[in-house]
C-alpha atoms as a PDB file:
ATOM      1  CA  MET A   1     -10.649   8.217  -7.459  1.00  0.00           C
ATOM      2  CA  ALA A   2     -11.256   8.030 -11.203  1.00  0.00           C
ATOM      3  CA  SER A   3     -14.509   6.772 -12.609  1.00  0.00           C
ATOM      4  CA  ASP A   4     -14.422   3.905 -15.096  1.00  0.00           C
ATOM      5  CA  ASP A   5     -15.340   6.219 -18.012  1.00  0.00           C
ATOM      6  CA  MET A   6     -12.812   8.973 -17.190  1.00  0.00           C
ATOM      7  CA  VAL A   7      -9.841   9.357 -19.532  1.00  0.00           C
ATOM      8  CA  MET A   8      -6.565  10.240 -17.839  1.00  0.00           C
ATOM      9  CA  ASN A   9      -3.185  11.034 -19.359  1.00  0.00           C
ATOM     10  CA  VAL A  10      -0.662   9.477 -16.964  1.00  0.00           C
ATOM     11  CA  THR A  11       3.055  10.226 -17.062  1.00  0.00           C
ATOM     12  CA  PHE A  12       5.832   9.048 -14.768  1.00  0.00           C
ATOM     13  CA  ASN A  13       8.438  11.171 -13.044  1.00  0.00           C
ATOM     14  CA  GLU A  14      11.909   9.996 -14.144  1.00  0.00           C
ATOM     15  CA  SER A  15      12.650   8.793 -10.589  1.00  0.00           C
ATOM     16  CA  VAL A  16       9.646   6.406 -10.578  1.00  0.00           C
ATOM     17  CA  PRO A  17      10.499   2.972 -12.011  1.00  0.00           C
ATOM     18  CA  ALA A  18       8.120   2.191 -14.894  1.00  0.00           C
ATOM     19  CA  GLY A  19       7.815  -1.410 -13.686  1.00  0.00           C
ATOM     20  CA  GLY A  20       6.927  -0.295 -10.154  1.00  0.00           C
ATOM     21  CA  THR A  21       8.561  -1.068  -6.838  1.00  0.00           C
ATOM     22  CA  TYR A  22       7.641  -4.200  -4.884  1.00  0.00           C
ATOM     23  CA  ALA A  23       6.214  -3.680  -1.391  1.00  0.00           C
ATOM     24  CA  ASN A  24       4.661  -6.307   0.868  1.00  0.00           C
ATOM     25  CA  GLY A  25       3.831  -4.064   3.808  1.00  0.00           C
ATOM     26  CA  ALA A  26       2.950  -0.531   4.805  1.00  0.00           C
ATOM     27  CA  LEU A  27       3.296   1.674   7.857  1.00  0.00           C
ATOM     28  CA  VAL A  28       0.625   4.376   8.155  1.00  0.00           C
ATOM     29  CA  TRP A  29       0.329   7.373  10.456  1.00  0.00           C
ATOM     30  CA  ASN A  30      -1.208  10.811  10.343  1.00  0.00           C
ATOM     31  CA  THR A  31      -1.070  14.401  11.518  1.00  0.00           C
ATOM     32  CA  PRO A  32      -4.053  16.770  11.478  1.00  0.00           C
ATOM     33  CA  HIS A  33      -3.066  17.755   7.911  1.00  0.00           C
ATOM     34  CA  GLU A  34      -1.785  14.641   6.148  1.00  0.00           C
ATOM     35  CA  PHE A  35      -1.416  10.886   6.148  1.00  0.00           C
ATOM     36  CA  THR A  36       2.008   9.331   5.625  1.00  0.00           C
ATOM     37  CA  ILE A  37       2.330   5.845   4.179  1.00  0.00           C
ATOM     38  CA  ASP A  38       5.706   4.117   4.129  1.00  0.00           C
ATOM     39  CA  PHE A  39       5.535   1.206   1.714  1.00  0.00           C
ATOM     40  CA  THR A  40       7.910  -1.477   2.915  1.00  0.00           C
ATOM     41  CA  SER A  41       9.622  -4.634   1.793  1.00  0.00           C
ATOM     42  CA  HIS A  42       9.967  -7.127   4.635  1.00  0.00           C
ATOM     43  CA  ARG A  43      13.016  -9.326   4.602  1.00  0.00           C
ATOM     44  CA  SER A  44      13.668 -12.448   6.631  1.00  0.00           C
ATOM     45  CA  PRO A  45      13.600 -12.295  10.464  1.00  0.00           C
ATOM     46  CA  THR A  46      16.876 -11.821  12.301  1.00  0.00           C
ATOM     47  CA  HIS A  47      18.538 -14.702  14.126  1.00  0.00           C
ATOM     48  CA  ASP A  48      16.988 -13.879  17.504  1.00  0.00           C
ATOM     49  CA  GLY A  49      13.544 -14.349  15.976  1.00  0.00           C
ATOM     50  CA  ASP A  50      11.844 -11.230  17.338  1.00  0.00           C
ATOM     51  CA  ALA A  51      13.087  -8.538  14.970  1.00  0.00           C
ATOM     52  CA  GLN A  52      12.511  -8.222  11.271  1.00  0.00           C
ATOM     53  CA  ASP A  53      14.451  -6.214   8.716  1.00  0.00           C
ATOM     54  CA  VAL A  54      12.140  -3.795   6.934  1.00  0.00           C
ATOM     55  CA  LEU A  55      13.203  -1.612   4.036  1.00  0.00           C
ATOM     56  CA  VAL A  56      11.135   1.490   3.182  1.00  0.00           C
ATOM     57  CA  VAL A  57      10.853   1.466  -0.624  1.00  0.00           C
ATOM     58  CA  ALA A  58       8.558   4.496  -0.999  1.00  0.00           C
ATOM     59  CA  ARG A  59       7.003   7.186   1.186  1.00  0.00           C
ATOM     60  CA  MET A  60       3.784   8.955   0.240  1.00  0.00           C
ATOM     61  CA  LYS A  61       2.415  12.027   2.009  1.00  0.00           C
ATOM     62  CA  ILE A  62      -1.297  12.447   1.274  1.00  0.00           C
ATOM     63  CA  PRO A  63      -3.518  15.375   2.303  1.00  0.00           C
ATOM     64  CA  THR A  64      -6.339  14.330   4.606  1.00  0.00           C
ATOM     65  CA  SER A  65      -8.828  15.696   2.067  1.00  0.00           C
ATOM     66  CA  ALA A  66      -7.678  13.076  -0.484  1.00  0.00           C
ATOM     67  CA  MET A  67      -7.365  10.076   1.848  1.00  0.00           C
ATOM     68  CA  PHE A  68     -11.082   9.217   2.021  1.00  0.00           C
ATOM     69  CA  ARG A  69     -11.328   9.071  -1.790  1.00  0.00           C
ATOM     70  CA  ILE A  70      -8.191   6.925  -1.991  1.00  0.00           C
ATOM     71  CA  VAL A  71      -9.607   4.434   0.531  1.00  0.00           C
ATOM     72  CA  GLN A  72     -12.907   4.344  -1.405  1.00  0.00           C
ATOM     73  CA  ALA A  73     -11.040   3.629  -4.659  1.00  0.00           C
ATOM     74  CA  MET A  74      -8.982   0.874  -3.023  1.00  0.00           C
ATOM     75  CA  SER A  75     -12.101  -0.701  -1.521  1.00  0.00           C
ATOM     76  CA  ALA A  76     -13.840  -0.689  -4.921  1.00  0.00           C
ATOM     77  CA  ASN A  77     -10.786  -2.284  -6.528  1.00  0.00           C
ATOM     78  CA  ILE A  78     -10.622  -4.991  -3.842  1.00  0.00           C
ATOM     79  CA  ASP A  79     -14.316  -5.742  -4.436  1.00  0.00           C
ATOM     80  CA  ARG A  80     -13.667  -6.111  -8.197  1.00  0.00           C
ATOM     81  CA  TYR A  81     -10.597  -8.274  -7.544  1.00  0.00           C
ATOM     82  CA  GLU A  82     -12.536 -10.611  -5.232  1.00  0.00           C
ATOM     83  CA  ARG A  83     -15.406 -10.943  -7.722  1.00  0.00           C
ATOM     84  CA  GLN A  84     -12.931 -11.931 -10.427  1.00  0.00           C
ATOM     85  CA  TYR A  85     -10.365 -14.014  -8.511  1.00  0.00           C
ATOM     86  CA  GLY A  86     -11.977 -14.999  -5.205  1.00  0.00           C
ATOM     87  CA  ARG A  87     -11.775 -13.818  -1.635  1.00  0.00           C
ATOM     88  CA  ILE A  88      -8.503 -12.417  -0.332  1.00  0.00           C
ATOM     89  CA  THR A  89      -7.555 -14.188   2.879  1.00  0.00           C
ATOM     90  CA  PRO A  90      -5.039 -12.372   5.073  1.00  0.00           C
ATOM     91  CA  ARG A  91      -2.263 -14.372   6.658  1.00  0.00           C
ATOM     92  CA  PRO A  92      -3.050 -15.183  10.296  1.00  0.00           C
ATOM     93  CA  PRO A  93      -0.912 -13.325  12.853  1.00  0.00           C
ATOM     94  CA  LYS A  94       2.292 -15.100  13.829  1.00  0.00           C
ATOM     95  CA  GLU A  95       1.895 -16.984  17.117  1.00  0.00           C
ATOM     96  CA  GLU A  96       4.237 -16.080  19.923  1.00  0.00           C
ATOM     97  CA  PRO A  97       6.525 -18.972  21.083  1.00  0.00           C
END
């Protein structure tokens, strides 16, 4: 999104916590005009083992015209992260009993 040499003045809306909001998951879907991303915080599984409590902590609606640039910026940041800290290894999917 922003090049490394671009200067940006960033301000926060009063409703956005300055320290951020923790999310460890995301649900993504789209319409012809926008993408919606629900950032989620997953809690522990329920007692029956096949349902998980998920709390939506933020919802972003992004125009399709901006989504490609956002994905490019995220990909570039992941590349920089992996060069500095090592490869990110996703958790393997949970095996069914």
